[in-house]
């Protein structure tokens, strides 16, 4: 239950961040926003390090750095750059396709066959992305007036 509460709170803060960034994206670069976000996150999580003894092994550090830089910093910087071209709702919806990629990569590399609920969820995500794409195409279509 605590994990669910933290997840919902995190999603709420993420949505607020996206709305704020959308209003400032013309003046700020995505990398600057990510630097600020990382700094605030580090400051907020510093007290946690005193509560838990969670020191990664030397073998895990390069992987953690790679994940942090490639998937978080670069990925979110590119995502924030999308706000220059898409609405927050469209960019957020398109980012929701990531779990589908994860499922497909799991099938491809690890021969993990998803359960029906994961397949149904992926189908719903793809349907929502498709509907949004049609909506964007329809709203951007040139009108012909005589």
N, C-alpha and C. Protein backbone atom coordinates (compact mmCIF):
# COMPACT_ATOMS: atom_id res chain seq x y z
N UNK A 1 0.82 -1.19 0.00
CA UNK A 1 0.00 0.00 0.00
C UNK A 1 0.88 1.26 0.00
N UNK A 2 1.98 1.22 0.73
CA UNK A 2 2.89 2.36 0.78
C UNK A 2 3.53 2.58 -0.60
N UNK A 3 3.88 1.48 -1.27
CA UNK A 3 4.46 1.58 -2.61
C UNK A 3 3.48 2.22 -3.59
N UNK A 4 2.21 1.85 -3.48
CA UNK A 4 1.19 2.45 -4.35
C UNK A 4 1.07 3.94 -4.08
N UNK A 5 1.09 4.32 -2.82
CA UNK A 5 0.99 5.74 -2.47
C UNK A 5 2.19 6.52 -3.01
N UNK A 6 3.39 5.95 -2.85
CA UNK A 6 4.58 6.61 -3.38
C UNK A 6 4.52 6.70 -4.91
N UNK A 7 4.04 5.66 -5.56
CA UNK A 7 3.92 5.67 -7.02
C UNK A 7 2.94 6.73 -7.50
N UNK A 8 1.80 6.84 -6.84
CA UNK A 8 0.82 7.85 -7.22
C UNK A 8 1.35 9.26 -6.97
N UNK A 9 2.01 9.45 -5.83
CA UNK A 9 2.59 10.76 -5.53
C UNK A 9 3.67 11.11 -6.55
N UNK A 10 4.49 10.14 -6.91
CA UNK A 10 5.54 10.36 -7.89
C UNK A 10 4.94 10.73 -9.25
N UNK A 11 3.89 10.04 -9.66
CA UNK A 11 3.23 10.35 -10.93
C UNK A 11 2.64 11.76 -10.92
N UNK A 12 2.08 12.15 -9.78
CA UNK A 12 1.51 13.49 -9.64
C UNK A 12 2.61 14.55 -9.78
N UNK A 13 3.72 14.36 -9.09
CA UNK A 13 4.84 15.31 -9.17
C UNK A 13 5.40 15.35 -10.58
N UNK A 14 5.50 14.20 -11.23
CA UNK A 14 5.99 14.11 -12.61
C UNK A 14 5.08 14.91 -13.55
N UNK A 15 3.78 14.80 -13.37
CA UNK A 15 2.84 15.54 -14.21
C UNK A 15 2.97 17.04 -13.97
N UNK A 16 3.11 17.44 -12.71
CA UNK A 16 3.30 18.86 -12.39
C UNK A 16 4.58 19.37 -13.05
N UNK A 17 5.65 18.58 -12.95
CA UNK A 17 6.91 18.97 -13.58
C UNK A 17 6.74 19.18 -15.08
N UNK A 18 6.03 18.27 -15.72
CA UNK A 18 5.82 18.38 -17.16
C UNK A 18 5.03 19.63 -17.52
N UNK A 19 4.03 19.97 -16.73
CA UNK A 19 3.24 21.17 -17.01
C UNK A 19 4.08 22.43 -16.83
N UNK A 20 4.91 22.45 -15.81
CA UNK A 20 5.78 23.61 -15.59
C UNK A 20 6.79 23.74 -16.71
N UNK A 21 7.40 22.62 -17.10
CA UNK A 21 8.41 22.65 -18.15
C UNK A 21 7.79 23.11 -19.47
N UNK A 22 6.58 22.70 -19.75
CA UNK A 22 5.92 23.09 -21.00
C UNK A 22 5.83 24.62 -21.11
N UNK A 23 5.58 25.28 -19.99
CA UNK A 23 5.47 26.74 -20.03
C UNK A 23 6.82 27.41 -20.17
N UNK A 24 7.91 26.72 -19.82
CA UNK A 24 9.24 27.32 -19.82
C UNK A 24 10.17 26.75 -20.90
N UNK A 25 9.68 25.84 -21.73
CA UNK A 25 10.57 25.09 -22.63
C UNK A 25 11.23 25.99 -23.68
N UNK A 26 10.62 27.11 -24.00
CA UNK A 26 11.25 28.00 -24.98
C UNK A 26 12.48 28.70 -24.41
N UNK A 27 12.52 28.88 -23.09
CA UNK A 27 13.65 29.55 -22.45
C UNK A 27 14.68 28.58 -21.89
N UNK A 28 14.29 27.34 -21.61
CA UNK A 28 15.18 26.38 -20.96
C UNK A 28 15.47 25.20 -21.89
N UNK A 29 16.65 24.67 -21.77
CA UNK A 29 17.00 23.44 -22.47
C UNK A 29 16.63 22.26 -21.58
N UNK A 30 16.32 21.14 -22.20
CA UNK A 30 15.98 19.94 -21.45
C UNK A 30 17.09 19.50 -20.51
N UNK A 31 18.34 19.68 -20.95
CA UNK A 31 19.47 19.27 -20.10
C UNK A 31 19.57 20.12 -18.84
N UNK A 32 19.21 21.40 -18.94
CA UNK A 32 19.24 22.28 -17.77
C UNK A 32 18.16 21.84 -16.78
N UNK A 33 16.98 21.54 -17.30
CA UNK A 33 15.89 21.08 -16.44
C UNK A 33 16.28 19.79 -15.75
N UNK A 34 16.91 18.85 -16.48
CA UNK A 34 17.33 17.59 -15.88
C UNK A 34 18.40 17.81 -14.81
N UNK A 35 19.28 18.78 -15.02
CA UNK A 35 20.30 19.08 -14.01
C UNK A 35 19.65 19.58 -12.73
N UNK A 36 18.70 20.49 -12.86
CA UNK A 36 17.96 20.98 -11.68
C UNK A 36 17.21 19.84 -11.00
N UNK A 37 16.54 19.03 -11.80
CA UNK A 37 15.76 17.93 -11.23
C UNK A 37 16.67 16.95 -10.50
N UNK A 38 17.81 16.63 -11.06
CA UNK A 38 18.73 15.71 -10.42
C UNK A 38 19.26 16.30 -9.11
N UNK A 39 19.59 17.57 -9.13
CA UNK A 39 20.07 18.23 -7.91
C UNK A 39 19.04 18.22 -6.80
N UNK A 40 17.80 18.54 -7.13
CA UNK A 40 16.72 18.52 -6.13
C UNK A 40 16.50 17.11 -5.61
N UNK A 41 16.53 16.13 -6.50
CA UNK A 41 16.34 14.74 -6.09
C UNK A 41 17.44 14.29 -5.14
N UNK A 42 18.68 14.63 -5.46
CA UNK A 42 19.80 14.26 -4.58
C UNK A 42 19.61 14.88 -3.21
N UNK A 43 19.26 16.15 -3.17
CA UNK A 43 19.06 16.82 -1.88
C UNK A 43 17.93 16.17 -1.07
N UNK A 44 16.85 15.82 -1.75
CA UNK A 44 15.73 15.21 -1.05
C UNK A 44 16.03 13.79 -0.57
N UNK A 45 16.90 13.08 -1.29
CA UNK A 45 17.19 11.70 -0.92
C UNK A 45 18.39 11.55 0.01
N UNK A 46 19.16 12.60 0.23
CA UNK A 46 20.31 12.49 1.13
C UNK A 46 19.96 11.94 2.51
N UNK A 47 18.87 12.37 3.13
CA UNK A 47 18.54 11.79 4.45
C UNK A 47 18.29 10.28 4.40
N UNK A 48 17.85 9.77 3.28
CA UNK A 48 17.56 8.34 3.17
C UNK A 48 18.83 7.51 3.30
N UNK A 49 19.96 8.05 2.86
CA UNK A 49 21.21 7.30 2.94
C UNK A 49 21.62 7.01 4.38
N UNK A 50 21.13 7.81 5.31
CA UNK A 50 21.43 7.55 6.72
C UNK A 50 20.52 6.48 7.31
N UNK A 51 19.40 6.22 6.66
CA UNK A 51 18.46 5.23 7.16
C UNK A 51 18.76 3.82 6.64
N UNK A 52 19.30 3.74 5.44
CA UNK A 52 19.53 2.44 4.81
C UNK A 52 21.01 2.29 4.46
N UNK A 53 21.49 1.08 4.61
CA UNK A 53 22.86 0.78 4.23
C UNK A 53 22.84 0.15 2.83
N UNK A 54 22.67 0.99 1.84
CA UNK A 54 22.53 0.52 0.47
C UNK A 54 23.69 1.02 -0.38
N UNK A 55 24.82 0.37 -0.25
CA UNK A 55 26.00 0.74 -1.02
C UNK A 55 26.16 -0.29 -2.14
N UNK A 56 26.15 0.16 -3.40
CA UNK A 56 26.28 -0.80 -4.49
C UNK A 56 27.70 -1.37 -4.55
N UNK A 57 27.80 -2.57 -5.07
CA UNK A 57 29.12 -3.18 -5.23
C UNK A 57 29.86 -2.46 -6.35
N UNK A 58 31.18 -2.58 -6.34
CA UNK A 58 32.00 -1.93 -7.37
C UNK A 58 31.63 -2.45 -8.75
N UNK A 59 31.21 -3.69 -8.82
CA UNK A 59 30.82 -4.29 -10.11
C UNK A 59 29.53 -3.67 -10.64
N UNK A 60 28.65 -3.22 -9.76
CA UNK A 60 27.36 -2.66 -10.17
C UNK A 60 27.44 -1.19 -10.56
N UNK A 61 28.45 -0.47 -10.10
CA UNK A 61 28.53 0.98 -10.32
C UNK A 61 28.51 1.36 -11.80
N UNK A 62 29.31 0.73 -12.68
CA UNK A 62 29.25 1.14 -14.09
C UNK A 62 27.86 0.94 -14.70
N UNK A 63 27.18 -0.12 -14.30
CA UNK A 63 25.83 -0.36 -14.81
C UNK A 63 24.86 0.70 -14.29
N UNK A 64 24.99 1.07 -13.03
CA UNK A 64 24.13 2.10 -12.47
C UNK A 64 24.37 3.45 -13.13
N UNK A 65 25.63 3.77 -13.38
CA UNK A 65 25.95 5.03 -14.06
C UNK A 65 25.39 5.00 -15.49
N UNK A 66 25.58 3.89 -16.17
CA UNK A 66 25.05 3.76 -17.53
C UNK A 66 23.54 3.92 -17.56
N UNK A 67 22.85 3.26 -16.65
CA UNK A 67 21.40 3.39 -16.58
C UNK A 67 21.00 4.83 -16.25
N UNK A 68 21.70 5.43 -15.32
CA UNK A 68 21.37 6.80 -14.93
C UNK A 68 21.58 7.79 -16.05
N UNK A 69 22.69 7.65 -16.76
CA UNK A 69 22.99 8.60 -17.83
C UNK A 69 22.14 8.33 -19.06
N UNK A 70 22.15 7.10 -19.54
CA UNK A 70 21.46 6.81 -20.80
C UNK A 70 19.95 6.83 -20.68
N UNK A 71 19.43 6.06 -19.75
CA UNK A 71 17.97 5.94 -19.72
C UNK A 71 17.28 7.06 -18.99
N UNK A 72 17.94 7.65 -18.01
CA UNK A 72 17.28 8.71 -17.26
C UNK A 72 17.65 10.08 -17.81
N UNK A 73 18.91 10.44 -17.75
CA UNK A 73 19.30 11.79 -18.14
C UNK A 73 19.05 12.06 -19.63
N UNK A 74 19.56 11.20 -20.48
CA UNK A 74 19.38 11.42 -21.92
C UNK A 74 17.92 11.23 -22.31
N UNK A 75 17.30 10.17 -21.81
CA UNK A 75 15.89 9.92 -22.15
C UNK A 75 14.97 11.05 -21.74
N UNK A 76 15.11 11.52 -20.52
CA UNK A 76 14.25 12.61 -20.05
C UNK A 76 14.58 13.93 -20.72
N UNK A 77 15.83 14.16 -21.04
CA UNK A 77 16.20 15.39 -21.76
C UNK A 77 15.53 15.40 -23.13
N UNK A 78 15.57 14.29 -23.82
CA UNK A 78 14.90 14.21 -25.12
C UNK A 78 13.38 14.34 -24.97
N UNK A 79 12.84 13.72 -23.93
CA UNK A 79 11.40 13.81 -23.67
C UNK A 79 10.99 15.26 -23.44
N UNK A 80 11.77 15.99 -22.64
CA UNK A 80 11.44 17.39 -22.38
C UNK A 80 11.55 18.22 -23.65
N UNK A 81 12.48 17.86 -24.53
CA UNK A 81 12.59 18.56 -25.81
C UNK A 81 11.37 18.37 -26.69
N UNK A 82 10.66 17.26 -26.50
CA UNK A 82 9.43 17.01 -27.28
C UNK A 82 8.35 18.04 -26.98
N UNK A 83 8.42 18.68 -25.81
CA UNK A 83 7.39 19.66 -25.45
C UNK A 83 7.41 20.86 -26.38
N UNK A 84 8.50 21.06 -27.11
CA UNK A 84 8.55 22.15 -28.08
C UNK A 84 7.65 21.86 -29.28
N UNK A 85 7.40 20.59 -29.53
CA UNK A 85 6.67 20.19 -30.73
C UNK A 85 5.32 19.54 -30.46
N UNK A 86 5.12 19.02 -29.25
CA UNK A 86 3.89 18.33 -28.91
C UNK A 86 3.30 18.92 -27.64
N UNK A 87 2.02 18.69 -27.45
CA UNK A 87 1.40 19.07 -26.19
C UNK A 87 1.89 18.12 -25.09
N UNK A 88 1.72 18.53 -23.85
CA UNK A 88 2.13 17.69 -22.72
C UNK A 88 1.39 16.37 -22.77
N UNK A 89 0.09 16.42 -23.06
CA UNK A 89 -0.70 15.18 -23.07
C UNK A 89 -0.22 14.24 -24.17
N UNK A 90 0.08 14.78 -25.35
CA UNK A 90 0.54 13.93 -26.44
C UNK A 90 1.91 13.33 -26.13
N UNK A 91 2.84 14.15 -25.65
CA UNK A 91 4.18 13.64 -25.33
C UNK A 91 4.10 12.59 -24.21
N UNK A 92 3.27 12.85 -23.21
CA UNK A 92 3.14 11.89 -22.11
C UNK A 92 2.53 10.59 -22.58
N UNK A 93 1.53 10.68 -23.45
CA UNK A 93 0.91 9.47 -23.97
C UNK A 93 1.91 8.67 -24.80
N UNK A 94 2.69 9.36 -25.61
CA UNK A 94 3.69 8.66 -26.42
C UNK A 94 4.76 8.01 -25.54
N UNK A 95 5.07 8.62 -24.40
CA UNK A 95 6.06 8.02 -23.51
C UNK A 95 5.51 6.77 -22.83
N UNK A 96 4.20 6.63 -22.80
CA UNK A 96 3.58 5.46 -22.16
C UNK A 96 3.82 4.19 -22.97
N UNK A 97 4.35 4.31 -24.16
CA UNK A 97 4.61 3.13 -24.98
C UNK A 97 5.85 2.38 -24.50
N UNK A 98 6.62 2.97 -23.58
CA UNK A 98 7.83 2.34 -23.08
C UNK A 98 7.59 0.95 -22.49
N UNK A 99 6.53 0.73 -21.71
CA UNK A 99 6.32 -0.63 -21.21
C UNK A 99 6.11 -1.65 -22.33
N UNK A 100 5.50 -1.22 -23.42
CA UNK A 100 5.30 -2.12 -24.56
C UNK A 100 6.65 -2.51 -25.13
N UNK A 101 7.56 -1.52 -25.26
CA UNK A 101 8.91 -1.84 -25.73
C UNK A 101 9.58 -2.82 -24.78
N UNK A 102 9.41 -2.62 -23.48
CA UNK A 102 9.99 -3.53 -22.49
C UNK A 102 9.48 -4.94 -22.64
N UNK A 103 8.17 -5.07 -22.86
CA UNK A 103 7.58 -6.40 -23.06
C UNK A 103 8.15 -7.05 -24.31
N UNK A 104 8.20 -6.28 -25.40
CA UNK A 104 8.71 -6.84 -26.66
C UNK A 104 10.18 -7.22 -26.56
N UNK A 105 10.98 -6.40 -25.87
CA UNK A 105 12.39 -6.74 -25.69
C UNK A 105 12.55 -7.97 -24.80
N UNK A 106 11.67 -8.11 -23.80
CA UNK A 106 11.69 -9.30 -22.97
C UNK A 106 11.40 -10.56 -23.77
N UNK A 107 10.46 -10.47 -24.69
CA UNK A 107 10.14 -11.60 -25.56
C UNK A 107 11.32 -11.90 -26.48
N UNK A 108 11.89 -10.84 -27.05
CA UNK A 108 12.97 -11.01 -28.02
C UNK A 108 14.25 -11.56 -27.40
N UNK A 109 14.68 -10.97 -26.29
CA UNK A 109 15.97 -11.34 -25.72
C UNK A 109 15.91 -12.45 -24.68
N UNK A 110 14.81 -12.55 -23.95
CA UNK A 110 14.75 -13.52 -22.85
C UNK A 110 13.67 -14.58 -23.03
N UNK A 111 12.99 -14.55 -24.17
CA UNK A 111 11.91 -15.49 -24.46
C UNK A 111 10.86 -15.50 -23.34
N UNK A 112 10.62 -14.33 -22.75
CA UNK A 112 9.59 -14.18 -21.72
C UNK A 112 8.25 -13.92 -22.41
N UNK A 113 7.34 -14.82 -22.25
CA UNK A 113 6.01 -14.66 -22.84
C UNK A 113 5.14 -13.94 -21.82
N UNK A 114 4.60 -12.75 -22.20
CA UNK A 114 3.80 -12.00 -21.23
C UNK A 114 2.48 -12.69 -20.91
N UNK A 115 2.01 -12.44 -19.70
CA UNK A 115 0.70 -12.96 -19.32
C UNK A 115 -0.36 -12.17 -20.07
N UNK A 116 -1.59 -12.66 -20.04
CA UNK A 116 -2.66 -12.02 -20.78
C UNK A 116 -2.89 -10.59 -20.31
N UNK A 117 -2.71 -10.32 -19.02
CA UNK A 117 -2.95 -8.97 -18.51
C UNK A 117 -1.93 -7.99 -19.06
N UNK A 118 -0.67 -8.41 -19.20
CA UNK A 118 0.35 -7.54 -19.79
C UNK A 118 0.06 -7.30 -21.26
N UNK A 119 -0.35 -8.34 -21.97
CA UNK A 119 -0.70 -8.19 -23.38
C UNK A 119 -1.92 -7.28 -23.55
N UNK A 120 -2.90 -7.43 -22.68
CA UNK A 120 -4.08 -6.56 -22.74
C UNK A 120 -3.70 -5.11 -22.44
N UNK A 121 -2.85 -4.90 -21.44
CA UNK A 121 -2.40 -3.55 -21.12
C UNK A 121 -1.63 -2.94 -22.27
N UNK A 122 -0.75 -3.72 -22.88
CA UNK A 122 0.00 -3.24 -24.04
C UNK A 122 -0.92 -2.88 -25.20
N UNK A 123 -1.96 -3.68 -25.39
CA UNK A 123 -2.93 -3.39 -26.45
C UNK A 123 -3.66 -2.08 -26.17
N UNK A 124 -4.05 -1.88 -24.93
CA UNK A 124 -4.71 -0.61 -24.56
C UNK A 124 -3.79 0.59 -24.79
N UNK A 125 -2.53 0.45 -24.43
CA UNK A 125 -1.57 1.54 -24.64
C UNK A 125 -1.43 1.83 -26.12
N UNK A 126 -1.24 0.79 -26.92
CA UNK A 126 -1.08 0.99 -28.36
C UNK A 126 -2.34 1.60 -28.98
N UNK A 127 -3.51 1.19 -28.51
CA UNK A 127 -4.77 1.76 -29.01
C UNK A 127 -4.84 3.25 -28.66
N UNK A 128 -4.48 3.61 -27.43
CA UNK A 128 -4.52 5.02 -27.03
C UNK A 128 -3.54 5.86 -27.85
N UNK A 129 -2.34 5.33 -28.09
CA UNK A 129 -1.35 6.04 -28.90
C UNK A 129 -1.87 6.18 -30.33
N UNK A 130 -2.47 5.14 -30.87
CA UNK A 130 -3.03 5.20 -32.22
C UNK A 130 -4.15 6.23 -32.34
N UNK A 131 -5.04 6.25 -31.36
CA UNK A 131 -6.13 7.23 -31.37
C UNK A 131 -5.57 8.65 -31.29
N UNK A 132 -4.58 8.86 -30.44
CA UNK A 132 -3.96 10.18 -30.33
C UNK A 132 -3.28 10.58 -31.63
N UNK A 133 -2.61 9.63 -32.29
CA UNK A 133 -1.96 9.92 -33.56
C UNK A 133 -2.99 10.32 -34.61
N UNK A 134 -4.12 9.62 -34.65
CA UNK A 134 -5.19 9.99 -35.59
C UNK A 134 -5.74 11.37 -35.26
N UNK A 135 -5.89 11.66 -33.98
CA UNK A 135 -6.39 12.97 -33.56
C UNK A 135 -5.43 14.08 -33.99
N UNK A 136 -4.14 13.86 -33.81
CA UNK A 136 -3.14 14.85 -34.22
C UNK A 136 -3.17 15.05 -35.72
N UNK A 137 -3.22 13.94 -36.45
CA UNK A 137 -3.24 14.04 -37.91
C UNK A 137 -4.48 14.79 -38.38
N UNK A 138 -5.61 14.49 -37.75
CA UNK A 138 -6.86 15.15 -38.13
C UNK A 138 -6.81 16.65 -37.82
N UNK A 139 -6.27 17.02 -36.67
CA UNK A 139 -6.22 18.44 -36.29
C UNK A 139 -5.17 19.21 -37.08
N UNK A 140 -4.16 18.52 -37.63
CA UNK A 140 -3.13 19.19 -38.43
C UNK A 140 -3.40 19.13 -39.92
N UNK A 141 -4.47 18.44 -40.32
CA UNK A 141 -4.78 18.32 -41.74
C UNK A 141 -5.21 19.67 -42.30
N UNK A 142 -4.73 20.00 -43.49
CA UNK A 142 -5.13 21.27 -44.09
C UNK A 142 -6.60 21.24 -44.47
N UNK A 143 -7.24 22.34 -44.28
CA UNK A 143 -8.66 22.44 -44.65
C UNK A 143 -8.76 23.03 -46.05
N UNK A 144 -9.68 22.52 -46.80
CA UNK A 144 -9.90 23.03 -48.16
C UNK A 144 -11.20 23.80 -48.20
N UNK A 145 -11.05 25.08 -48.41
CA UNK A 145 -12.22 25.94 -48.51
C UNK A 145 -12.32 26.46 -49.91
N UNK A 146 -13.55 26.61 -50.41
CA UNK A 146 -13.75 27.14 -51.76
C UNK A 146 -14.38 28.47 -51.70
